[in-house]
Amino acid sequence: MDKVAVILASAGIGNRFDVKILKPLFKWRDYPLFIHPLLTLINWKKEYFSKFIVITIPEGTDKKFKDAIVDAKINIENINIKIIAGGKTRQESIKLALDNITDDYEVVIIQDSARPIIIPEILSNMFSMISKFDGVVPVFHLDDSIAEISKYENKVNRYFKRENIVRVQTPKIFKLSSLKLAHKKASDKKRLFTDDGSMLLHYGFSLGFVCGDIKMMKITNKNDIKILEAIS
């Protein structure tokens, strides 16, 4: 198995969460949200990767995150967890994390702390495909119809074929050299992308997919906690 590092993106403030606590530190099922994917990644096929995890956090919150890891009583023996301040955007935070990963790593896993559930089987499916692509993402098909609108005109412009539209989830995995090169190009051109997958495609890299799962949903607001509780 390739030498693998992990980036746990936790630097977002979570303005839409509407709770007086940083979203990654919001406690759900006994642990802060960011601890759940951290535990899964630490325990998933331990022999597969070199136990190097970079956690991006809001500036000035180091103690809160370190205390949360201690309070969770995670066995981090022989695991190198590096906590760094993120940037002003998610893209900048990922770039800062990548700068902390040496080039002897071959693959990097990127996980949002706002997605507390990772399904190990899906992660394994992604790794079975990474040799064919520069990156692999999990996707989840939509049940609703999808349309483009003109927001300020209250006008629907067109519908899209639902079978070709998916929701992209995390964890995402990438060949480290490809992702670093894409981020360098984006930084040099000062281009902002919605996520790392769209960045890779823009610069001509290949991106594969596997089927995701509704349980790997993102927590955006308080109601999402209720939904996740009901489906998991």
Protein backbone atom coordinates (compact mmCIF):
# COMPACT_ATOMS: atom_id res chain seq x y z
CA MET A 1 0.00 0.00 0.00
CA ASP A 2 1.20 3.51 -0.78
CA LYS A 3 2.56 5.71 1.98
CA VAL A 4 -0.48 7.72 3.08
CA ALA A 5 -0.95 10.93 5.07
CA VAL A 6 -4.18 12.51 6.32
CA ILE A 7 -5.51 16.07 6.37
CA LEU A 8 -8.44 16.70 8.71
CA ALA A 9 -9.96 20.04 7.70
CA SER A 10 -11.24 21.73 10.87
CA ALA A 11 -10.43 25.40 10.27
CA GLY A 12 -13.94 26.49 9.27
CA ILE A 13 -15.74 28.81 11.67
CA GLY A 14 -19.18 27.35 10.88
CA ASN A 15 -21.18 30.58 10.71
CA ARG A 16 -24.33 28.74 9.57
CA PHE A 17 -24.16 26.35 12.52
CA ASP A 18 -25.69 28.97 14.86
CA VAL A 19 -24.12 27.60 18.04
CA LYS A 20 -21.77 29.52 20.34
CA ILE A 21 -18.99 27.00 19.88
CA LEU A 22 -16.71 26.12 17.00
CA LYS A 23 -18.50 23.51 14.90
CA PRO A 24 -15.65 20.94 15.00
CA LEU A 25 -15.79 21.13 18.81
CA PHE A 26 -19.56 20.62 19.03
CA LYS A 27 -20.16 17.44 21.00
CA TRP A 28 -22.16 14.64 19.37
CA ARG A 29 -22.40 11.12 20.77
CA ASP A 30 -19.86 11.82 23.53
CA TYR A 31 -17.19 13.34 21.28
CA PRO A 32 -16.59 16.64 19.46
CA LEU A 33 -17.41 16.31 15.76
CA PHE A 34 -13.78 16.30 14.62
CA ILE A 35 -12.91 13.40 16.92
CA HIS A 36 -15.25 10.97 15.13
CA PRO A 37 -13.45 10.94 11.74
CA LEU A 38 -10.12 11.13 13.55
CA LEU A 39 -10.89 7.90 15.41
CA THR A 40 -12.01 6.16 12.23
CA LEU A 41 -8.91 7.21 10.32
CA ILE A 42 -6.58 6.17 13.14
CA ASN A 43 -8.18 2.73 13.41
CA TRP A 44 -8.72 2.07 9.68
CA LYS A 45 -6.20 -0.48 8.39
CA LYS A 46 -3.46 0.91 10.60
CA GLU A 47 -0.76 -0.87 8.64
CA TYR A 48 -1.73 1.01 5.48
CA PHE A 49 -0.43 4.44 6.32
CA SER A 50 2.33 6.09 8.25
CA LYS A 51 0.16 7.58 10.95
CA PHE A 52 0.79 11.20 10.01
CA ILE A 53 -2.26 13.42 10.42
CA VAL A 54 -2.40 17.19 9.87
CA ILE A 55 -5.36 18.95 11.50
CA THR A 56 -6.13 22.49 10.31
CA ILE A 57 -7.84 24.64 12.93
CA PRO A 58 -8.89 28.27 13.43
CA GLU A 59 -6.00 30.42 14.57
CA GLY A 60 -5.61 30.65 18.36
CA THR A 61 -7.63 27.50 19.18
CA ASP A 62 -4.72 25.05 19.61
CA LYS A 63 -5.39 24.35 23.27
CA LYS A 64 -9.08 23.58 22.72
CA PHE A 65 -8.33 20.99 20.05
CA LYS A 66 -5.41 19.45 21.93
CA ASP A 67 -7.54 19.20 25.10
CA ALA A 68 -10.34 17.55 23.11
CA ILE A 69 -7.93 14.89 21.84
CA VAL A 70 -6.67 14.25 25.37
CA ASP A 71 -10.22 14.14 26.79
CA ALA A 72 -11.24 11.60 24.15
CA LYS A 73 -8.49 9.28 25.46
CA ILE A 74 -7.37 8.39 21.94
CA ASN A 75 -4.43 6.04 21.75
CA ILE A 76 -2.05 8.19 19.71
CA GLU A 77 1.06 6.18 20.46
CA ASN A 78 3.27 6.13 17.35
CA ILE A 79 0.87 8.55 15.62
CA ASN A 80 2.19 11.94 14.56
CA ILE A 81 -0.64 14.48 14.83
CA LYS A 82 0.32 17.98 13.72
CA ILE A 83 -2.11 20.80 14.47
CA ILE A 84 -1.71 23.95 12.36
CA ALA A 85 -3.63 27.19 11.91
CA GLY A 86 -5.67 27.21 8.75
CA GLY A 87 -6.01 30.02 6.24
CA LYS A 88 -8.80 32.39 5.31
CA THR A 89 -10.34 29.86 2.92
CA ARG A 90 -10.59 26.08 2.86
CA GLN A 91 -8.33 26.02 -0.17
CA GLU A 92 -5.68 28.02 1.65
CA SER A 93 -5.98 25.72 4.69
CA ILE A 94 -5.46 22.60 2.55
CA LYS A 95 -2.46 24.24 0.83
CA LEU A 96 -0.91 24.98 4.25
CA ALA A 97 -1.49 21.38 5.32
CA LEU A 98 0.06 20.05 2.10
CA ASP A 99 3.14 22.19 2.76
CA ASN A 100 3.60 20.17 5.97
CA ILE A 101 3.54 16.80 4.18
CA THR A 102 6.87 15.68 2.74
CA ASP A 103 7.10 14.34 -0.78
CA ASP A 104 7.94 10.80 0.33
CA TYR A 105 4.21 10.35 0.96
CA GLU A 106 2.35 9.10 -2.09
CA VAL A 107 -1.33 9.50 -1.20
CA VAL A 108 -3.23 11.96 0.99
CA ILE A 109 -6.70 11.52 2.51
CA ILE A 110 -8.68 14.75 2.99
CA GLN A 111 -11.61 14.65 5.40
CA ASP A 112 -13.94 17.41 6.61
CA SER A 113 -14.41 17.44 10.37
CA ALA A 114 -18.02 18.50 9.69
CA ARG A 115 -18.61 14.98 8.33
CA PRO A 116 -18.29 12.87 11.48
CA ILE A 117 -19.01 9.52 9.81
CA ILE A 118 -16.57 7.73 7.54
CA ILE A 119 -17.55 4.30 6.23
CA PRO A 120 -14.32 2.23 6.09
CA GLU A 121 -15.56 0.03 3.24
CA ILE A 122 -16.02 3.09 1.04
CA LEU A 123 -12.53 4.29 1.88
CA SER A 124 -11.17 0.87 0.93
CA ASN A 125 -13.05 1.03 -2.38
CA MET A 126 -11.43 4.38 -3.11
CA PHE A 127 -7.96 3.02 -2.46
CA SER A 128 -8.61 0.16 -4.86
CA MET A 129 -9.02 2.79 -7.63
CA ILE A 130 -6.32 5.35 -6.83
CA SER A 131 -3.76 3.66 -9.09
CA LYS A 132 -5.97 4.55 -12.09
CA PHE A 133 -6.65 8.20 -11.23
CA ASP A 134 -5.01 11.29 -9.69
CA GLY A 135 -7.85 11.42 -7.18
CA VAL A 136 -10.95 9.48 -6.12
CA VAL A 137 -14.07 10.90 -4.45
CA PRO A 138 -17.23 9.35 -3.01
CA VAL A 139 -20.47 10.53 -4.61
CA PHE A 140 -24.11 10.26 -3.60
CA HIS A 141 -26.95 10.39 -6.12
CA LEU A 142 -29.74 12.92 -5.66
CA ASP A 143 -33.44 12.10 -5.52
CA ASP A 144 -34.71 15.62 -6.21
CA SER A 145 -34.78 17.31 -9.60
CA ILE A 146 -31.97 19.83 -10.13
CA ALA A 147 -32.46 23.20 -11.82
CA GLU A 148 -30.48 26.37 -12.51
CA ILE A 149 -32.18 29.59 -11.47
CA SER A 150 -31.75 33.35 -11.77
CA LYS A 151 -31.86 34.22 -8.10
CA TYR A 152 -32.94 37.84 -8.35
CA GLU A 153 -35.51 37.25 -11.08
CA ASN A 154 -37.27 34.33 -9.41
CA LYS A 155 -36.78 32.52 -12.69
CA VAL A 156 -35.93 28.89 -13.46
CA ASN A 157 -33.51 28.74 -16.41
CA ARG A 158 -33.08 25.02 -17.04
CA TYR A 159 -33.19 21.53 -15.57
CA PHE A 160 -30.30 19.07 -15.47
CA LYS A 161 -30.42 15.33 -16.05
CA ARG A 162 -30.64 13.98 -12.53
CA GLU A 163 -28.83 10.72 -13.34
CA ASN A 164 -25.70 12.73 -14.22
CA ILE A 165 -25.71 14.96 -11.11
CA VAL A 166 -24.25 13.76 -7.82
CA ARG A 167 -23.35 15.14 -4.42
CA VAL A 168 -19.60 14.88 -3.75
CA GLN A 169 -18.65 13.81 -0.22
CA THR A 170 -15.50 13.22 1.80
CA PRO A 171 -13.14 11.54 2.49
CA LYS A 172 -11.39 12.25 -0.78
CA ILE A 173 -8.06 10.71 -1.68
CA PHE A 174 -5.42 12.08 -4.01
CA LYS A 175 -1.98 11.30 -5.30
CA LEU A 176 0.06 13.77 -3.29
CA SER A 177 2.24 14.94 -6.18
CA SER A 178 -0.81 15.69 -8.35
CA LEU A 179 -2.64 17.60 -5.63
CA LYS A 180 0.44 19.62 -4.67
CA LEU A 181 0.98 20.60 -8.30
CA ALA A 182 -2.67 21.59 -8.73
CA HIS A 183 -2.55 23.73 -5.58
CA LYS A 184 0.67 25.39 -6.73
CA LYS A 185 -0.93 26.30 -10.06
CA ALA A 186 -4.04 27.63 -8.33
CA SER A 187 -1.93 29.66 -5.89
CA ASP A 188 0.24 31.10 -8.66
CA LYS A 189 -2.85 32.11 -10.65
CA LYS A 190 -4.75 33.21 -7.51
CA ARG A 191 -7.68 31.02 -8.53
CA LEU A 192 -10.25 29.85 -5.98
CA PHE A 193 -12.02 26.51 -6.35
CA THR A 194 -14.97 24.98 -4.53
CA ASP A 195 -12.97 21.88 -3.62
CA ASP A 196 -9.83 19.95 -4.45
CA GLY A 197 -11.57 17.68 -6.96
CA SER A 198 -12.75 20.60 -9.10
CA MET A 199 -9.24 22.04 -8.94
CA LEU A 200 -7.72 18.79 -10.21
CA LEU A 201 -10.15 18.61 -13.13
CA HIS A 202 -9.50 22.24 -14.07
CA TYR A 203 -5.77 21.55 -14.42
CA GLY A 204 -6.23 18.40 -16.48
CA PHE A 205 -5.81 15.74 -13.81
CA SER A 206 -8.06 12.67 -13.65
CA LEU A 207 -10.71 12.09 -11.01
CA GLY A 208 -12.53 8.83 -10.32
CA PHE A 209 -15.50 8.13 -8.09
CA VAL A 210 -17.06 5.45 -5.91
CA CYS A 211 -20.56 5.29 -4.48
CA GLY A 212 -20.81 7.16 -1.18
CA ASP A 213 -23.46 6.94 1.52
CA ILE A 214 -26.04 9.34 2.94
CA LYS A 215 -24.58 8.78 6.41
CA MET A 216 -21.39 10.58 5.33
CA MET A 217 -23.40 13.82 5.24
CA LYS A 218 -22.02 17.22 6.14
CA ILE A 219 -23.16 19.03 9.27
CA THR A 220 -23.97 22.58 8.20
CA ASN A 221 -26.65 23.66 10.69
CA LYS A 222 -28.22 22.34 13.89
CA ASN A 223 -31.00 20.54 12.03
CA ASP A 224 -28.41 18.39 10.29
CA ILE A 225 -27.50 16.92 13.67
CA LYS A 226 -31.07 15.68 14.04
CA ILE A 227 -31.00 14.20 10.52
CA LEU A 228 -27.69 12.44 11.15
CA GLU A 229 -29.00 11.06 14.41
CA ALA A 230 -32.02 9.62 12.62
CA ILE A 231 -30.13 7.92 9.79
CA SER A 232 -27.07 6.60 11.60
